Amino acid sequence: MIGRLNHVAIAVKDLAASTALYRDTLGARVSQPLPQPEHGVTVVFVELPNTKVELLEPMGADSPIAKFLERNPDGGIHHICYEVDDILAARDRLKAQGARVLGSGEPRIGAHGKPVLFLHPKDFCGTLVELEQA
């Protein structure tokens, strides 16, 4: 059901400093910051030959990333994103197998302009999983 790894998301306190670290120290190609107010974050994508790393900075105290950074002050891996061919079929299959879909269960548009869903970390080895329509 899952396809290729789309990205690994890392929560950061300072997006500009984190972007500079990846760009200047590691020599990576990075995107411009992309505000995602509907998700409460600003993101930058570090583009790798085989996948991406998504740097997430909270947009205010109500952001889920702000809450994550309260528990993890140094930041860290927040979630992993896999592509699926049919997000609604994947959601329905996972729910039928007992997996919990976060939020309303309806896909929202993610940073790539495609529908996304999140799956409860307790159902996936302690890892928050994002599914993105391929």
Protein backbone atom coordinates (compact mmCIF):
# COMPACT_ATOMS: atom_id res chain seq x y z
CA MET A 1 0.00 0.00 0.00
CA ILE A 2 2.69 2.58 0.88
CA GLY A 3 4.91 3.83 -1.88
CA ARG A 4 8.10 5.78 -1.76
CA LEU A 5 9.34 7.78 1.20
CA ASN A 6 8.29 11.37 0.51
CA HIS A 7 10.02 13.07 3.42
CA VAL A 8 11.20 12.96 7.01
CA ALA A 9 10.05 15.99 9.03
CA ILE A 10 12.22 17.61 11.68
CA ALA A 11 10.82 20.12 14.17
CA VAL A 12 13.12 23.12 14.66
CA LYS A 13 13.06 26.22 16.87
CA ASP A 14 14.82 28.47 14.36
CA LEU A 15 14.00 27.79 10.73
CA ALA A 16 16.53 30.29 9.35
CA ALA A 17 19.40 28.82 11.37
CA SER A 18 18.37 25.25 10.53
CA THR A 19 18.08 26.09 6.84
CA ALA A 20 21.54 27.67 6.90
CA LEU A 21 22.95 24.57 8.59
CA TYR A 22 21.64 22.27 5.85
CA ARG A 23 22.50 24.69 3.03
CA ASP A 24 25.86 26.07 4.17
CA THR A 25 27.30 23.30 6.32
CA LEU A 26 25.94 20.22 4.56
CA GLY A 27 25.78 21.75 1.08
CA ALA A 28 22.15 20.82 0.49
CA ARG A 29 19.71 22.50 -1.86
CA VAL A 30 16.85 24.01 0.16
CA SER A 31 13.53 25.58 -0.76
CA GLN A 32 12.28 28.99 0.26
CA PRO A 33 10.22 29.06 3.48
CA LEU A 34 6.61 28.09 2.82
CA PRO A 35 4.04 29.26 5.40
CA GLN A 36 1.34 26.67 6.04
CA PRO A 37 -1.10 28.51 8.35
CA GLU A 38 -3.72 25.75 8.09
CA HIS A 39 -1.17 23.39 9.68
CA GLY A 40 0.35 25.99 12.04
CA VAL A 41 3.87 25.74 10.59
CA THR A 42 6.36 27.25 8.19
CA VAL A 43 8.32 24.66 6.25
CA VAL A 44 11.52 24.44 4.26
CA PHE A 45 12.30 21.39 2.16
CA VAL A 46 15.85 20.07 1.97
CA GLU A 47 15.99 18.38 -1.42
CA LEU A 48 17.99 15.17 -1.62
CA PRO A 49 18.48 12.89 -4.65
CA ASN A 50 16.11 10.23 -3.29
CA THR A 51 13.77 12.10 -0.91
CA LYS A 52 13.33 15.30 1.11
CA VAL A 53 13.82 16.48 4.67
CA GLU A 54 11.11 18.87 5.85
CA LEU A 55 12.14 21.44 8.46
CA LEU A 56 9.11 22.56 10.52
CA GLU A 57 8.96 25.76 12.54
CA PRO A 58 5.84 26.56 14.60
CA MET A 59 3.61 29.50 13.70
CA GLY A 60 2.67 30.56 17.21
CA ALA A 61 2.08 28.88 20.54
CA ASP A 62 -0.97 26.92 19.33
CA SER A 63 1.01 25.07 16.67
CA PRO A 64 1.35 21.31 17.18
CA ILE A 65 5.07 21.85 16.53
CA ALA A 66 5.28 24.34 19.42
CA LYS A 67 3.86 21.66 21.70
CA PHE A 68 6.36 19.13 20.31
CA LEU A 69 9.24 21.57 20.97
CA GLU A 70 8.04 22.08 24.57
CA ARG A 71 8.53 18.33 25.10
CA ASN A 72 11.68 18.21 22.94
CA PRO A 73 13.48 21.55 23.38
CA ASP A 74 16.28 20.63 20.96
CA GLY A 75 13.80 19.67 18.24
CA GLY A 76 14.00 16.36 16.44
CA ILE A 77 12.23 14.02 14.08
CA HIS A 78 8.51 14.81 14.14
CA HIS A 79 7.06 12.48 11.49
CA ILE A 80 7.73 10.40 8.42
CA CYS A 81 5.71 10.74 5.21
CA TYR A 82 4.91 7.95 2.75
CA GLU A 83 3.20 8.31 -0.59
CA VAL A 84 0.06 6.32 -1.38
CA ASP A 85 -1.69 5.94 -4.74
CA ASP A 86 -5.19 6.45 -3.32
CA ILE A 87 -5.36 8.26 0.02
CA LEU A 88 -9.05 7.52 0.63
CA ALA A 89 -8.63 3.80 -0.09
CA ALA A 90 -5.53 3.74 2.16
CA ARG A 91 -7.44 5.53 4.95
CA ASP A 92 -10.39 3.14 4.71
CA ARG A 93 -8.16 0.06 4.68
CA LEU A 94 -6.13 1.29 7.66
CA LYS A 95 -9.23 2.19 9.67
CA ALA A 96 -10.74 -1.25 8.92
CA GLN A 97 -7.54 -2.75 10.37
CA GLY A 98 -7.85 -0.66 13.54
CA ALA A 99 -5.44 2.20 12.79
CA ARG A 100 -6.40 5.63 14.10
CA VAL A 101 -6.49 8.54 11.67
CA LEU A 102 -5.91 11.86 13.42
CA GLY A 103 -8.24 14.84 13.11
CA SER A 104 -11.52 14.50 11.28
CA GLY A 105 -10.25 11.63 9.15
CA GLU A 106 -10.68 13.70 6.02
CA PRO A 107 -7.56 14.57 4.02
CA ARG A 108 -6.26 18.14 4.14
CA ILE A 109 -4.02 19.80 1.60
CA GLY A 110 -0.37 19.59 2.62
CA ALA A 111 2.73 21.61 1.75
CA HIS A 112 3.05 19.94 -1.67
CA GLY A 113 -0.51 20.88 -2.61
CA LYS A 114 -1.68 17.27 -2.30
CA PRO A 115 -4.09 15.59 0.16
CA VAL A 116 -2.50 14.31 3.38
CA LEU A 117 -3.58 12.38 6.48
CA PHE A 118 -1.80 11.63 9.74
CA LEU A 119 -1.87 8.30 11.59
CA HIS A 120 -1.59 7.95 15.36
CA PRO A 121 1.98 7.19 16.51
CA LYS A 122 0.80 4.58 19.01
CA ASP A 123 -0.37 2.48 16.06
CA PHE A 124 2.96 2.74 14.17
CA CYS A 125 5.87 1.90 16.49
CA GLY A 126 5.76 5.28 18.23
CA THR A 127 6.12 7.22 14.96
CA LEU A 128 3.68 9.81 13.64
CA VAL A 129 3.01 8.78 10.04
CA GLU A 130 1.83 11.12 7.30
CA LEU A 131 0.30 9.72 4.13
CA GLU A 132 0.37 11.87 1.01
CA GLN A 133 -1.51 11.28 -2.21
CA ALA A 134 1.09 10.39 -4.89
